[in-house]
Amino acid sequence: MDLLELLPLDELSHGLANLSMFPYFDMAHYIVSIMALREQPGVLEVSRVSPLACWFSSMLFCFGGAVLSGIMLAEPAVAPLSNSTGVLLASITCHMCLYRYLVFYCPMDLVYCCAALLPLRLVLSGMKEVTRTWKVLGGVTQAHGKYKDSLLVMIANGWAKGAGGGLISNFEQLVRGVWKPETNELLKMSYPTKITLIGAVLFALQQTHYLPLKTHHLMLIYTVFTVINKSRMMLTGSSASPFAVIESAVYKTLFTGHSPYAALTGEVKKACIDHGATNGTTATAETKEIGKNGASGKTTPVKRVKGQSGSPKAKEESENADTTNGKKIN
């Protein structure tokens, strides 16, 4: 975009694109992810009962996107846990274990309490949003290198790499002995999943030249938007998506068309309600009448319909009763 090149934002976008995520931004990503795991219901109890299950859940929260992306591209699922240099692998692994241990098992819970303070958590969450941009872009470019013209594969892989921890949340819950299929991200997407999907679409369009923007310019725009919006949500305490109005309009326009069976269904339902109300009124009236007669000690005679025949046993009992009454009268 020529306008961005003329403004000082061009230098800022280049600086952001050349920014290294290791170690500080990765540290923020690990800490915020493990804190999010700890705040899940029942996780703290699991960490006391089974530290191994807690460790595995932490790994899925931190590296779930890379694991899911590797599975989608037919790569080893353990590839994110390895690296060409043993020093970097040891550093990442040790840092990961250290963060998990400090967040869950630090004496007096000092690490979690300090990281949960709003100013520090704002900084850590903003740094995590910066890493989201690199993860989404990395997933899109990785798929673009293998499938040049497959826009759908690029979007799916970028989405998986940026929000894999949420997309495989049901599997992570199984590790902790919890099964909640209603929390599936595809049924009700959370804000991180939505914003990652939007980023995957934008970067995929940019990589295929459908979006006339340079990569570093789009990185700057997307990062600034995610950081500012995440900070707004944390400061206001609101979890509402900024795309709620657009989502509602699209849903009502495309997915809630008029059904030809709606009127018929309404009529049937109304008829059932009216019929039930009528039966209820009649039954109530009969109950009141029986109660009134019972209270006054009177018996309501039952009229026999002409031409209606009763059972043989009933007839015999009636004749015997008439004979007995006749004898008594005589």
Protein backbone atom coordinates (compact mmCIF):
# COMPACT_ATOMS: atom_id res chain seq x y z
CA MET A 1 0.00 0.00 0.00
CA ASP A 2 1.60 3.30 -1.14
CA LEU A 3 0.12 5.31 1.73
CA LEU A 4 1.80 3.15 4.35
CA GLU A 5 5.11 3.38 2.51
CA LEU A 6 4.98 7.17 2.61
CA LEU A 7 4.20 7.29 6.32
CA PRO A 8 6.64 6.43 9.14
CA LEU A 9 4.52 3.30 9.65
CA ASP A 10 6.55 1.61 6.93
CA GLU A 11 9.63 1.57 9.14
CA LEU A 12 7.56 0.37 12.08
CA SER A 13 6.10 -2.46 10.03
CA HIS A 14 9.58 -3.52 8.90
CA GLY A 15 10.79 -3.44 12.50
CA LEU A 16 7.83 -5.55 13.62
CA ALA A 17 8.39 -8.05 10.84
CA ASN A 18 12.05 -8.46 11.83
CA LEU A 19 11.25 -8.76 15.54
CA SER A 20 12.43 -11.99 17.15
CA MET A 21 9.88 -13.90 19.18
CA PHE A 22 12.47 -15.80 21.19
CA PRO A 23 12.81 -15.58 24.13
CA TYR A 24 10.63 -12.78 25.54
CA PHE A 25 7.50 -13.10 23.43
CA ASP A 26 7.61 -16.88 23.66
CA MET A 27 7.92 -16.56 27.43
CA ALA A 28 4.81 -14.37 27.52
CA HIS A 29 2.96 -16.89 25.34
CA TYR A 30 3.84 -19.76 27.67
CA ILE A 31 2.94 -17.88 30.85
CA VAL A 32 -0.42 -16.61 29.57
CA SER A 33 -1.32 -20.02 28.13
CA ILE A 34 -0.51 -21.85 31.37
CA MET A 35 -2.40 -19.25 33.39
CA ALA A 36 -5.40 -19.75 31.13
CA LEU A 37 -5.13 -23.49 31.75
CA ARG A 38 -4.91 -23.01 35.50
CA GLU A 39 -8.10 -20.92 35.49
CA GLN A 40 -10.07 -23.78 33.94
CA PRO A 41 -12.48 -25.47 36.41
CA GLY A 42 -10.88 -28.37 38.26
CA VAL A 43 -7.37 -27.97 36.82
CA LEU A 44 -5.79 -26.97 40.12
CA GLU A 45 -7.09 -30.15 41.74
CA VAL A 46 -5.74 -32.24 38.85
CA SER A 47 -2.31 -30.60 39.24
CA ARG A 48 -2.18 -31.85 42.83
CA VAL A 49 -3.43 -35.36 42.04
CA SER A 50 -1.56 -35.98 38.76
CA PRO A 51 1.31 -33.62 37.86
CA LEU A 52 1.93 -35.66 34.69
CA ALA A 53 -1.58 -35.01 33.37
CA CYS A 54 -1.17 -31.34 34.23
CA TRP A 55 2.14 -31.21 32.36
CA PHE A 56 0.64 -32.85 29.28
CA SER A 57 -2.30 -30.41 29.32
CA SER A 58 0.17 -27.52 29.56
CA MET A 59 2.05 -28.80 26.53
CA LEU A 60 -1.18 -28.99 24.54
CA PHE A 61 -2.13 -25.47 25.57
CA CYS A 62 1.25 -24.08 24.52
CA PHE A 63 2.03 -26.21 21.44
CA GLY A 64 -1.45 -27.34 20.39
CA GLY A 65 -1.41 -25.18 17.27
CA ALA A 66 1.89 -26.53 16.02
CA VAL A 67 0.84 -30.11 16.78
CA LEU A 68 -2.47 -29.75 14.93
CA SER A 69 -0.78 -28.01 12.00
CA GLY A 70 1.79 -30.81 11.75
CA ILE A 71 -0.96 -33.44 11.68
CA MET A 72 -2.81 -31.58 8.93
CA LEU A 73 0.30 -31.37 6.76
CA ALA A 74 1.26 -35.03 7.40
CA GLU A 75 4.27 -34.06 9.49
CA PRO A 76 5.33 -35.65 12.79
CA ALA A 77 3.14 -34.44 15.62
CA VAL A 78 6.21 -34.22 17.89
CA ALA A 79 8.06 -31.93 15.48
CA PRO A 80 7.17 -28.77 17.47
CA LEU A 81 8.98 -30.24 20.47
CA SER A 82 12.19 -30.73 18.52
CA ASN A 83 14.67 -28.38 16.91
CA SER A 84 17.78 -28.57 14.82
CA THR A 85 19.90 -27.26 17.67
CA GLY A 86 19.94 -29.18 20.92
CA VAL A 87 20.62 -26.02 22.88
CA LEU A 88 17.42 -24.37 21.68
CA LEU A 89 15.44 -27.55 22.36
CA ALA A 90 16.81 -27.76 25.89
CA SER A 91 16.12 -24.07 26.46
CA ILE A 92 12.50 -24.30 25.30
CA THR A 93 11.85 -27.49 27.23
CA CYS A 94 13.41 -26.21 30.43
CA HIS A 95 11.60 -22.89 30.17
CA MET A 96 8.33 -24.66 29.53
CA CYS A 97 8.69 -26.92 32.57
CA LEU A 98 9.86 -24.00 34.70
CA TYR A 99 6.85 -21.83 33.77
CA ARG A 100 4.41 -24.64 34.45
CA TYR A 101 6.02 -25.44 37.79
CA LEU A 102 6.08 -21.81 38.92
CA VAL A 103 2.49 -21.09 37.89
CA PHE A 104 1.10 -24.21 39.58
CA TYR A 105 3.47 -25.03 42.44
CA CYS A 106 5.25 -21.84 43.48
CA PRO A 107 5.26 -21.36 47.28
CA MET A 108 2.47 -19.05 48.43
CA ASP A 109 1.33 -18.86 44.80
CA LEU A 110 3.50 -15.79 44.29
CA VAL A 111 4.13 -16.19 40.53
CA TYR A 112 0.49 -16.58 39.62
CA CYS A 113 -0.61 -13.74 41.90
CA CYS A 114 1.99 -11.39 40.42
CA ALA A 115 1.24 -12.37 36.82
CA ALA A 116 -2.49 -11.97 37.45
CA LEU A 117 -2.08 -8.29 38.32
CA LEU A 118 -3.84 -6.27 35.63
CA PRO A 119 -0.89 -4.10 34.44
CA LEU A 120 1.45 -7.06 34.07
CA ARG A 121 -1.25 -9.26 32.56
CA LEU A 122 -2.03 -6.58 29.99
CA VAL A 123 1.61 -6.58 28.90
CA LEU A 124 1.83 -10.38 28.77
CA SER A 125 -1.45 -10.70 26.86
CA GLY A 126 -0.35 -8.07 24.36
CA MET A 127 2.90 -9.95 23.77
CA LYS A 128 0.94 -13.16 23.30
CA GLU A 129 -1.21 -11.45 20.64
CA VAL A 130 2.00 -10.49 18.83
CA THR A 131 3.02 -14.14 18.73
CA ARG A 132 -0.41 -14.98 17.30
CA THR A 133 0.44 -12.97 14.19
CA TRP A 134 3.65 -14.95 13.64
CA LYS A 135 1.91 -18.27 14.21
CA VAL A 136 -0.90 -17.53 11.75
CA LEU A 137 1.49 -16.19 9.13
CA GLY A 138 3.82 -19.14 9.66
CA GLY A 139 0.99 -21.62 9.15
CA VAL A 140 -0.20 -19.88 5.99
CA THR A 141 3.26 -19.66 4.44
CA GLN A 142 4.02 -23.26 5.42
CA ALA A 143 0.91 -24.49 3.60
CA HIS A 144 1.60 -22.12 0.69
CA GLY A 145 5.01 -23.72 0.23
CA LYS A 146 3.43 -27.16 -0.24
CA TYR A 147 0.12 -26.26 -1.87
CA LYS A 148 0.64 -23.23 -4.05
CA ASP A 149 -2.92 -22.55 -5.17
CA SER A 150 -4.93 -24.14 -2.37
CA LEU A 151 -6.48 -21.22 -0.54
CA LEU A 152 -8.56 -23.44 1.72
CA VAL A 153 -5.53 -25.43 2.91
CA MET A 154 -3.64 -22.23 3.71
CA ILE A 155 -6.56 -20.86 5.72
CA ALA A 156 -7.07 -24.12 7.59
CA ASN A 157 -3.38 -24.52 8.45
CA GLY A 158 -2.99 -20.90 9.54
CA TRP A 159 -6.10 -21.22 11.68
CA ALA A 160 -4.87 -24.47 13.20
CA LYS A 161 -1.43 -23.09 13.99
CA GLY A 162 -2.76 -19.91 15.57
CA ALA A 163 -5.67 -21.36 17.54
CA GLY A 164 -4.84 -25.05 17.79
CA GLY A 165 -4.93 -25.00 21.58
CA GLY A 166 -8.60 -24.06 21.47
CA LEU A 167 -9.49 -26.32 18.55
CA ILE A 168 -8.19 -29.40 20.36
CA SER A 169 -9.54 -28.34 23.74
CA ASN A 170 -11.78 -31.42 23.95
CA PHE A 171 -8.74 -33.68 23.63
CA GLU A 172 -6.93 -31.65 26.28
CA GLN A 173 -9.94 -32.04 28.57
CA LEU A 174 -9.84 -35.81 28.11
CA VAL A 175 -6.29 -35.79 29.46
CA ARG A 176 -7.70 -34.32 32.68
CA GLY A 177 -10.60 -36.80 32.74
CA VAL A 178 -13.22 -34.30 31.59
CA TRP A 179 -15.60 -34.78 28.68
CA LYS A 180 -17.61 -31.73 27.62
CA PRO A 181 -18.55 -32.01 23.93
CA GLU A 182 -20.73 -28.92 24.20
CA THR A 183 -17.56 -26.82 24.61
CA ASN A 184 -16.36 -27.68 21.12
CA GLU A 185 -14.94 -24.57 19.48
CA LEU A 186 -16.71 -25.33 16.22
CA LEU A 187 -20.09 -25.20 17.99
CA LYS A 188 -19.42 -21.92 19.76
CA MET A 189 -16.22 -20.20 18.78
CA SER A 190 -14.43 -18.05 21.32
CA TYR A 191 -12.86 -14.70 20.49
CA PRO A 192 -9.29 -16.05 19.99
CA THR A 193 -10.58 -18.68 17.57
CA LYS A 194 -12.57 -16.10 15.60
CA ILE A 195 -9.77 -13.54 15.37
CA THR A 196 -7.31 -16.25 14.34
CA LEU A 197 -9.63 -17.43 11.57
CA ILE A 198 -9.96 -13.87 10.29
CA GLY A 199 -6.19 -13.49 10.34
CA ALA A 200 -5.73 -16.77 8.47
CA VAL A 201 -8.15 -15.61 5.77
CA LEU A 202 -6.39 -12.24 5.42
CA PHE A 203 -2.88 -13.67 5.23
CA ALA A 204 -3.99 -16.39 2.81
CA LEU A 205 -5.54 -13.77 0.52
CA GLN A 206 -2.37 -11.69 0.79
CA GLN A 207 -0.13 -14.65 -0.06
CA THR A 208 -2.21 -15.46 -3.14
CA HIS A 209 -2.18 -11.77 -4.20
CA TYR A 210 -5.93 -11.33 -3.84
CA LEU A 211 -5.29 -8.71 -1.15
CA PRO A 212 -3.12 -5.82 -2.41
CA LEU A 213 -0.98 -5.44 0.71
CA LYS A 214 2.59 -6.24 1.55
CA THR A 215 3.23 -8.85 4.19
CA HIS A 216 4.84 -6.55 6.76
CA HIS A 217 2.05 -3.97 6.35
CA LEU A 218 -0.64 -6.57 6.97
CA MET A 219 1.32 -7.88 9.95
CA LEU A 220 1.36 -4.41 11.48
CA ILE A 221 -2.36 -3.78 10.90
CA TYR A 222 -3.41 -7.18 12.23
CA THR A 223 -1.11 -7.03 15.27
CA VAL A 224 -2.20 -3.53 16.28
CA PHE A 225 -5.86 -4.51 15.98
CA THR A 226 -5.52 -7.68 18.05
CA VAL A 227 -3.43 -6.04 20.78
CA ILE A 228 -5.73 -3.01 21.12
CA ASN A 229 -8.90 -5.06 21.11
CA LYS A 230 -7.53 -7.57 23.62
CA SER A 231 -6.49 -4.74 25.93
CA ARG A 232 -9.95 -3.17 25.59
CA MET A 233 -11.65 -6.43 26.51
CA MET A 234 -9.44 -6.88 29.57
CA LEU A 235 -9.87 -3.31 30.78
CA THR A 236 -13.64 -3.28 30.36
CA GLY A 237 -14.12 -6.86 31.51
CA SER A 238 -16.19 -7.59 28.43
CA SER A 239 -16.00 -10.81 26.45
CA ALA A 240 -18.19 -9.54 23.60
CA SER A 241 -16.72 -9.94 20.15
CA PRO A 242 -16.23 -6.74 18.12
CA PHE A 243 -17.72 -8.60 15.18
CA ALA A 244 -20.99 -9.43 16.97
CA VAL A 245 -23.06 -7.00 14.89
CA ILE A 246 -21.61 -8.27 11.60
CA GLU A 247 -22.04 -11.89 12.66
CA SER A 248 -25.68 -11.29 13.61
CA ALA A 249 -26.44 -9.54 10.31
CA VAL A 250 -24.79 -12.26 8.23
CA TYR A 251 -26.53 -15.01 10.20
CA LYS A 252 -29.97 -13.46 9.86
CA THR A 253 -29.42 -12.78 6.16
CA LEU A 254 -27.96 -16.10 5.05
CA PHE A 255 -28.93 -18.76 7.56
CA THR A 256 -32.40 -17.94 8.95
CA GLY A 257 -34.59 -17.91 5.85
CA HIS A 258 -38.37 -18.32 6.05
CA SER A 259 -39.41 -21.95 6.34
CA PRO A 260 -42.54 -23.06 4.42
CA TYR A 261 -43.37 -25.32 7.37
CA ALA A 262 -43.18 -22.57 9.95
CA ALA A 263 -46.88 -21.59 9.62
CA LEU A 264 -48.04 -25.20 9.72
CA THR A 265 -45.89 -25.92 12.75
CA GLY A 266 -47.30 -22.88 14.50
CA GLU A 267 -50.90 -23.90 13.75
CA VAL A 268 -50.37 -27.44 14.99
CA LYS A 269 -48.72 -26.17 18.14
CA LYS A 270 -51.57 -23.73 18.76
CA ALA A 271 -54.18 -26.43 18.22
CA CYS A 272 -52.42 -28.71 20.69
CA ILE A 273 -52.25 -25.94 23.25
CA ASP A 274 -55.95 -25.08 22.80
CA HIS A 275 -56.96 -28.75 23.01
CA GLY A 276 -54.92 -29.23 26.17
CA ALA A 277 -56.41 -26.10 27.71
CA THR A 278 -59.98 -27.27 26.91
CA ASN A 279 -59.36 -30.72 28.39
CA GLY A 280 -57.82 -29.15 31.45
CA THR A 281 -60.86 -26.86 31.94
CA THR A 282 -63.33 -29.75 31.56
CA ALA A 283 -61.38 -31.95 33.95
CA THR A 284 -61.22 -29.13 36.47
CA ALA A 285 -64.98 -28.56 36.27
CA GLU A 286 -65.68 -32.25 36.75
CA THR A 287 -63.31 -32.39 39.70
CA LYS A 288 -65.05 -29.43 41.33
CA GLU A 289 -68.49 -31.01 40.79
CA ILE A 290 -67.37 -34.31 42.31
CA GLY A 291 -65.84 -32.51 45.24
CA LYS A 292 -69.03 -30.50 45.79
CA ASN A 293 -71.21 -33.60 45.71
CA GLY A 294 -68.87 -35.45 48.02
CA ALA A 295 -68.90 -32.58 50.48
CA SER A 296 -72.71 -32.37 50.60
CA GLY A 297 -73.13 -36.16 50.95
CA LYS A 298 -75.17 -36.48 47.76
CA THR A 299 -74.61 -38.97 45.04
CA THR A 300 -75.06 -37.91 41.46
CA PRO A 301 -77.21 -40.41 39.64
CA VAL A 302 -75.78 -41.91 36.53
CA LYS A 303 -78.20 -41.94 33.64
CA ARG A 304 -78.25 -44.97 31.41
CA VAL A 305 -78.37 -44.22 27.75
CA LYS A 306 -81.25 -45.85 26.03
CA GLY A 307 -80.27 -48.81 23.95
CA GLN A 308 -76.96 -49.17 25.75
CA SER A 309 -76.39 -52.62 27.20
CA GLY A 310 -74.25 -53.32 30.20
CA SER A 311 -72.19 -56.36 31.09
CA PRO A 312 -73.99 -59.63 32.11
CA LYS A 313 -72.54 -59.44 35.61
CA ALA A 314 -73.81 -55.93 36.08
CA LYS A 315 -77.29 -56.93 34.88
CA GLU A 316 -77.41 -59.87 37.30
CA GLU A 317 -76.38 -57.71 40.22
CA SER A 318 -79.03 -55.13 39.30
CA GLU A 319 -81.82 -57.79 39.13
CA ASN A 320 -80.80 -59.23 42.51
CA ALA A 321 -80.87 -55.77 44.02
CA ASP A 322 -84.37 -55.10 42.62
CA THR A 323 -85.65 -58.45 43.99
CA THR A 324 -84.27 -57.75 47.43
CA ASN A 325 -85.78 -54.27 47.47
CA GLY A 326 -89.14 -55.69 46.38
CA LYS A 327 -89.14 -58.22 49.22
CA LYS A 328 -88.35 -55.57 51.75
CA ILE A 329 -91.14 -53.34 50.51
CA ASN A 330 -93.69 -56.17 50.53
